[in-house]
Amino acid sequence: MKYTLSILFIAVLIWSSGSFLRKDSYIGFYYPDASNLFNNVQSDRSFESLDQCRAWVNEQESVHNPDGTKQDDYECGKNCNLKNAQKPYVCEETLE
């Protein structure tokens, strides 16, 4: 029993340290028409920070809504699971 608890403690310690050392990544989703969330533009790469994702969104706004008259929207997904190639993706968190 003593060894089982020790092994379990070490396993949890290794798992938690891996979680803390992992860097977050962000994927951008830009919706040119906020009333139609099926029409979106997804970033072709991931970003290391939320600010980089937001900068990508600003670029998309300048392309798809240069005069600012359309009602658009966006999301930056944090640590999304992209292994499943089908949407919707599962992300730890979505941020604006």
N, C-alpha and C. Protein backbone atom coordinates (compact mmCIF):
# COMPACT_ATOMS: atom_id res chain seq x y z
N MET A 1 0.83 -1.20 0.00
CA MET A 1 0.00 0.00 0.00
C MET A 1 0.87 1.26 0.00
N LYS A 2 1.93 1.22 0.78
CA LYS A 2 2.83 2.37 0.87
C LYS A 2 3.46 2.67 -0.49
N TYR A 3 3.86 1.62 -1.21
CA TYR A 3 4.48 1.82 -2.52
C TYR A 3 3.47 2.29 -3.55
N THR A 4 2.26 1.83 -3.44
CA THR A 4 1.21 2.25 -4.38
C THR A 4 0.95 3.75 -4.25
N LEU A 5 0.86 4.24 -3.03
CA LEU A 5 0.64 5.67 -2.82
C LEU A 5 1.83 6.49 -3.30
N SER A 6 3.02 5.98 -3.10
CA SER A 6 4.23 6.68 -3.57
C SER A 6 4.25 6.77 -5.08
N ILE A 7 3.94 5.66 -5.74
CA ILE A 7 3.91 5.65 -7.20
C ILE A 7 2.82 6.58 -7.72
N LEU A 8 1.67 6.55 -7.09
CA LEU A 8 0.58 7.43 -7.49
C LEU A 8 0.97 8.89 -7.31
N PHE A 9 1.60 9.22 -6.20
CA PHE A 9 2.03 10.59 -5.95
C PHE A 9 3.04 11.04 -7.00
N ILE A 10 4.00 10.20 -7.33
CA ILE A 10 5.01 10.54 -8.34
C ILE A 10 4.35 10.73 -9.70
N ALA A 11 3.41 9.87 -10.05
CA ALA A 11 2.71 10.00 -11.35
C ALA A 11 1.95 11.33 -11.42
N VAL A 12 1.26 11.68 -10.36
CA VAL A 12 0.52 12.95 -10.34
C VAL A 12 1.48 14.12 -10.41
N LEU A 13 2.59 14.03 -9.75
CA LEU A 13 3.59 15.10 -9.77
C LEU A 13 4.16 15.29 -11.17
N ILE A 14 4.47 14.20 -11.85
CA ILE A 14 4.99 14.29 -13.22
C ILE A 14 3.94 14.87 -14.15
N TRP A 15 2.70 14.41 -14.04
CA TRP A 15 1.63 14.91 -14.91
C TRP A 15 1.40 16.40 -14.69
N SER A 16 1.35 16.83 -13.44
CA SER A 16 1.08 18.25 -13.16
C SER A 16 2.24 19.13 -13.59
N SER A 17 3.48 18.67 -13.45
CA SER A 17 4.60 19.49 -13.89
C SER A 17 4.60 19.63 -15.41
N GLY A 18 4.18 18.60 -16.13
CA GLY A 18 4.05 18.69 -17.59
C GLY A 18 2.99 19.68 -17.99
N SER A 19 1.91 19.75 -17.25
CA SER A 19 0.84 20.70 -17.54
C SER A 19 1.31 22.14 -17.34
N PHE A 20 2.12 22.37 -16.32
CA PHE A 20 2.59 23.72 -16.04
C PHE A 20 3.65 24.18 -17.05
N LEU A 21 4.41 23.25 -17.58
CA LEU A 21 5.47 23.59 -18.51
C LEU A 21 4.97 23.76 -19.94
N ARG A 22 3.79 23.28 -20.23
CA ARG A 22 3.24 23.37 -21.59
C ARG A 22 2.87 24.81 -21.89
N LYS A 23 3.25 25.27 -23.07
CA LYS A 23 2.90 26.63 -23.48
C LYS A 23 1.52 26.63 -24.11
N ASP A 24 0.78 27.67 -23.87
CA ASP A 24 -0.53 27.82 -24.47
C ASP A 24 -0.40 28.17 -25.94
N SER A 25 -1.38 27.77 -26.71
CA SER A 25 -1.45 28.18 -28.11
C SER A 25 -2.87 28.63 -28.40
N TYR A 26 -3.00 29.52 -29.37
CA TYR A 26 -4.29 30.12 -29.70
C TYR A 26 -4.56 29.98 -31.19
N ILE A 27 -5.80 29.70 -31.53
CA ILE A 27 -6.27 29.64 -32.92
C ILE A 27 -7.32 30.73 -33.09
N GLY A 28 -7.23 31.48 -34.19
CA GLY A 28 -8.18 32.57 -34.43
C GLY A 28 -9.34 32.12 -35.31
N PHE A 29 -10.52 32.57 -34.96
CA PHE A 29 -11.74 32.35 -35.74
C PHE A 29 -12.39 33.71 -35.95
N TYR A 30 -12.48 34.13 -37.20
CA TYR A 30 -13.09 35.42 -37.54
C TYR A 30 -14.39 35.17 -38.28
N TYR A 31 -15.45 35.85 -37.83
CA TYR A 31 -16.78 35.71 -38.43
C TYR A 31 -17.13 37.03 -39.12
N PRO A 32 -17.05 37.09 -40.46
CA PRO A 32 -17.36 38.33 -41.17
C PRO A 32 -18.79 38.80 -40.95
N ASP A 33 -19.70 37.87 -40.70
CA ASP A 33 -21.11 38.19 -40.45
C ASP A 33 -21.48 37.56 -39.11
N ALA A 34 -21.65 38.38 -38.10
CA ALA A 34 -21.92 37.88 -36.75
C ALA A 34 -23.24 37.12 -36.66
N SER A 35 -24.14 37.32 -37.60
CA SER A 35 -25.42 36.60 -37.56
C SER A 35 -25.32 35.22 -38.23
N ASN A 36 -24.18 34.92 -38.86
CA ASN A 36 -23.98 33.63 -39.52
C ASN A 36 -22.64 33.05 -39.07
N LEU A 37 -22.65 32.33 -37.95
CA LEU A 37 -21.40 31.81 -37.40
C LEU A 37 -20.89 30.58 -38.14
N PHE A 38 -21.65 30.09 -39.13
CA PHE A 38 -21.16 28.99 -39.95
C PHE A 38 -20.15 29.49 -40.98
N ASN A 39 -20.22 30.79 -41.29
CA ASN A 39 -19.27 31.40 -42.23
C ASN A 39 -18.14 32.01 -41.42
N ASN A 40 -16.98 31.34 -41.44
CA ASN A 40 -15.86 31.87 -40.65
C ASN A 40 -14.55 31.67 -41.38
N VAL A 41 -13.58 32.43 -40.95
CA VAL A 41 -12.22 32.33 -41.45
C VAL A 41 -11.39 31.87 -40.26
N GLN A 42 -10.66 30.79 -40.45
CA GLN A 42 -9.82 30.26 -39.37
C GLN A 42 -8.37 30.58 -39.68
N SER A 43 -7.61 30.94 -38.66
CA SER A 43 -6.19 31.20 -38.87
C SER A 43 -5.50 29.93 -39.36
N ASP A 44 -4.55 30.11 -40.25
CA ASP A 44 -3.86 28.96 -40.82
C ASP A 44 -2.67 28.52 -39.96
N ARG A 45 -2.48 29.18 -38.85
CA ARG A 45 -1.42 28.81 -37.92
C ARG A 45 -1.88 29.11 -36.50
N SER A 46 -1.16 28.60 -35.55
CA SER A 46 -1.48 28.91 -34.16
C SER A 46 -0.57 30.03 -33.67
N PHE A 47 -1.00 30.68 -32.62
CA PHE A 47 -0.29 31.82 -32.06
C PHE A 47 0.16 31.50 -30.64
N GLU A 48 1.25 32.10 -30.24
CA GLU A 48 1.80 31.86 -28.90
C GLU A 48 1.13 32.73 -27.83
N SER A 49 0.41 33.76 -28.25
CA SER A 49 -0.22 34.64 -27.27
C SER A 49 -1.59 35.10 -27.78
N LEU A 50 -2.41 35.51 -26.84
CA LEU A 50 -3.72 36.05 -27.17
C LEU A 50 -3.58 37.35 -27.97
N ASP A 51 -2.59 38.15 -27.65
CA ASP A 51 -2.36 39.40 -28.39
C ASP A 51 -2.03 39.13 -29.86
N GLN A 52 -1.25 38.10 -30.14
CA GLN A 52 -0.95 37.74 -31.53
C GLN A 52 -2.21 37.31 -32.26
N CYS A 53 -3.07 36.57 -31.58
CA CYS A 53 -4.34 36.15 -32.18
C CYS A 53 -5.21 37.37 -32.48
N ARG A 54 -5.28 38.29 -31.55
CA ARG A 54 -6.07 39.50 -31.77
C ARG A 54 -5.51 40.34 -32.91
N ALA A 55 -4.20 40.37 -33.07
CA ALA A 55 -3.59 41.09 -34.20
C ALA A 55 -4.02 40.44 -35.51
N TRP A 56 -4.08 39.13 -35.55
CA TRP A 56 -4.56 38.42 -36.74
C TRP A 56 -6.02 38.79 -37.03
N VAL A 57 -6.83 38.88 -35.99
CA VAL A 57 -8.23 39.28 -36.15
C VAL A 57 -8.32 40.66 -36.76
N ASN A 58 -7.50 41.59 -36.30
CA ASN A 58 -7.49 42.94 -36.86
C ASN A 58 -7.14 42.93 -38.34
N GLU A 59 -6.22 42.06 -38.74
CA GLU A 59 -5.89 41.92 -40.17
C GLU A 59 -7.11 41.43 -40.95
N GLN A 60 -7.83 40.47 -40.39
CA GLN A 60 -9.01 39.94 -41.06
C GLN A 60 -10.10 41.00 -41.19
N GLU A 61 -10.25 41.81 -40.16
CA GLU A 61 -11.23 42.90 -40.22
C GLU A 61 -10.87 43.88 -41.33
N SER A 62 -9.60 44.16 -41.49
CA SER A 62 -9.20 45.11 -42.53
C SER A 62 -9.44 44.55 -43.93
N VAL A 63 -9.44 43.22 -44.07
CA VAL A 63 -9.70 42.59 -45.37
C VAL A 63 -11.20 42.44 -45.61
N HIS A 64 -11.93 41.93 -44.63
CA HIS A 64 -13.34 41.57 -44.81
C HIS A 64 -14.32 42.68 -44.44
N ASN A 65 -13.87 43.64 -43.68
CA ASN A 65 -14.76 44.72 -43.23
C ASN A 65 -13.98 46.03 -43.15
N PRO A 66 -13.40 46.47 -44.27
CA PRO A 66 -12.50 47.63 -44.22
C PRO A 66 -13.17 48.93 -43.80
N ASP A 67 -14.45 49.09 -44.12
CA ASP A 67 -15.12 50.33 -43.74
C ASP A 67 -15.81 50.25 -42.37
N GLY A 68 -15.79 49.07 -41.77
CA GLY A 68 -16.35 48.90 -40.43
C GLY A 68 -17.86 48.95 -40.35
N THR A 69 -18.54 48.73 -41.46
CA THR A 69 -20.00 48.84 -41.46
C THR A 69 -20.70 47.52 -41.16
N LYS A 70 -20.01 46.40 -41.33
CA LYS A 70 -20.64 45.10 -41.08
C LYS A 70 -20.52 44.73 -39.61
N GLN A 71 -21.48 43.95 -39.16
CA GLN A 71 -21.45 43.43 -37.80
C GLN A 71 -20.67 42.12 -37.82
N ASP A 72 -19.42 42.14 -37.34
CA ASP A 72 -18.58 40.95 -37.36
C ASP A 72 -18.30 40.49 -35.93
N ASP A 73 -17.60 39.38 -35.81
CA ASP A 73 -17.28 38.84 -34.50
C ASP A 73 -16.03 37.97 -34.63
N TYR A 74 -15.45 37.57 -33.51
CA TYR A 74 -14.28 36.71 -33.54
C TYR A 74 -14.15 35.95 -32.23
N GLU A 75 -13.32 34.94 -32.27
CA GLU A 75 -12.93 34.19 -31.08
C GLU A 75 -11.47 33.80 -31.23
N CYS A 76 -10.80 33.70 -30.12
CA CYS A 76 -9.48 33.09 -30.08
C CYS A 76 -9.58 31.89 -29.16
N GLY A 77 -9.40 30.71 -29.73
CA GLY A 77 -9.50 29.49 -28.95
C GLY A 77 -8.17 29.14 -28.32
N LYS A 78 -8.19 28.86 -27.03
CA LYS A 78 -6.97 28.53 -26.30
C LYS A 78 -6.83 27.01 -26.19
N ASN A 79 -5.67 26.51 -26.64
CA ASN A 79 -5.34 25.08 -26.55
C ASN A 79 -6.44 24.20 -27.13
N CYS A 80 -6.79 24.47 -28.36
CA CYS A 80 -7.84 23.70 -29.04
C CYS A 80 -7.32 22.33 -29.45
N ASN A 81 -8.19 21.36 -29.41
CA ASN A 81 -7.86 20.02 -29.88
C ASN A 81 -8.16 19.97 -31.37
N LEU A 82 -7.11 20.04 -32.18
CA LEU A 82 -7.26 20.06 -33.63
C LEU A 82 -7.02 18.69 -34.24
N LYS A 83 -6.87 17.67 -33.42
CA LYS A 83 -6.64 16.31 -33.93
C LYS A 83 -7.86 15.83 -34.72
N ASN A 84 -9.02 16.21 -34.26
CA ASN A 84 -10.25 15.89 -34.99
C ASN A 84 -10.43 16.98 -36.04
N ALA A 85 -10.34 16.61 -37.29
CA ALA A 85 -10.35 17.60 -38.38
C ALA A 85 -11.72 18.23 -38.59
N GLN A 86 -12.72 17.74 -37.90
CA GLN A 86 -14.06 18.28 -38.09
C GLN A 86 -14.38 19.30 -37.02
N LYS A 87 -15.12 20.31 -37.42
CA LYS A 87 -15.58 21.31 -36.47
C LYS A 87 -16.85 20.80 -35.83
N PRO A 88 -17.20 21.24 -34.67
CA PRO A 88 -16.53 22.27 -33.88
C PRO A 88 -15.34 21.69 -33.13
N TYR A 89 -14.31 22.50 -33.00
CA TYR A 89 -13.14 22.11 -32.25
C TYR A 89 -13.44 22.29 -30.76
N VAL A 90 -12.78 21.51 -29.96
CA VAL A 90 -12.92 21.63 -28.51
C VAL A 90 -11.71 22.38 -28.00
N CYS A 91 -11.96 23.50 -27.34
CA CYS A 91 -10.88 24.34 -26.82
C CYS A 91 -11.04 24.44 -25.30
N GLU A 92 -9.92 24.64 -24.62
CA GLU A 92 -9.98 24.84 -23.16
C GLU A 92 -10.81 26.07 -22.83
N GLU A 93 -10.67 27.09 -23.66
CA GLU A 93 -11.31 28.36 -23.39
C GLU A 93 -11.39 29.15 -24.69
N THR A 94 -12.44 29.94 -24.86
CA THR A 94 -12.50 30.86 -25.98
C THR A 94 -12.54 32.27 -25.44
N LEU A 95 -11.75 33.12 -26.06
CA LEU A 95 -11.56 34.48 -25.57
C LEU A 95 -11.78 35.49 -26.68
N GLU A 96 -12.14 36.67 -26.31
CA GLU A 96 -12.26 37.78 -27.28
C GLU A 96 -11.27 38.84 -26.95
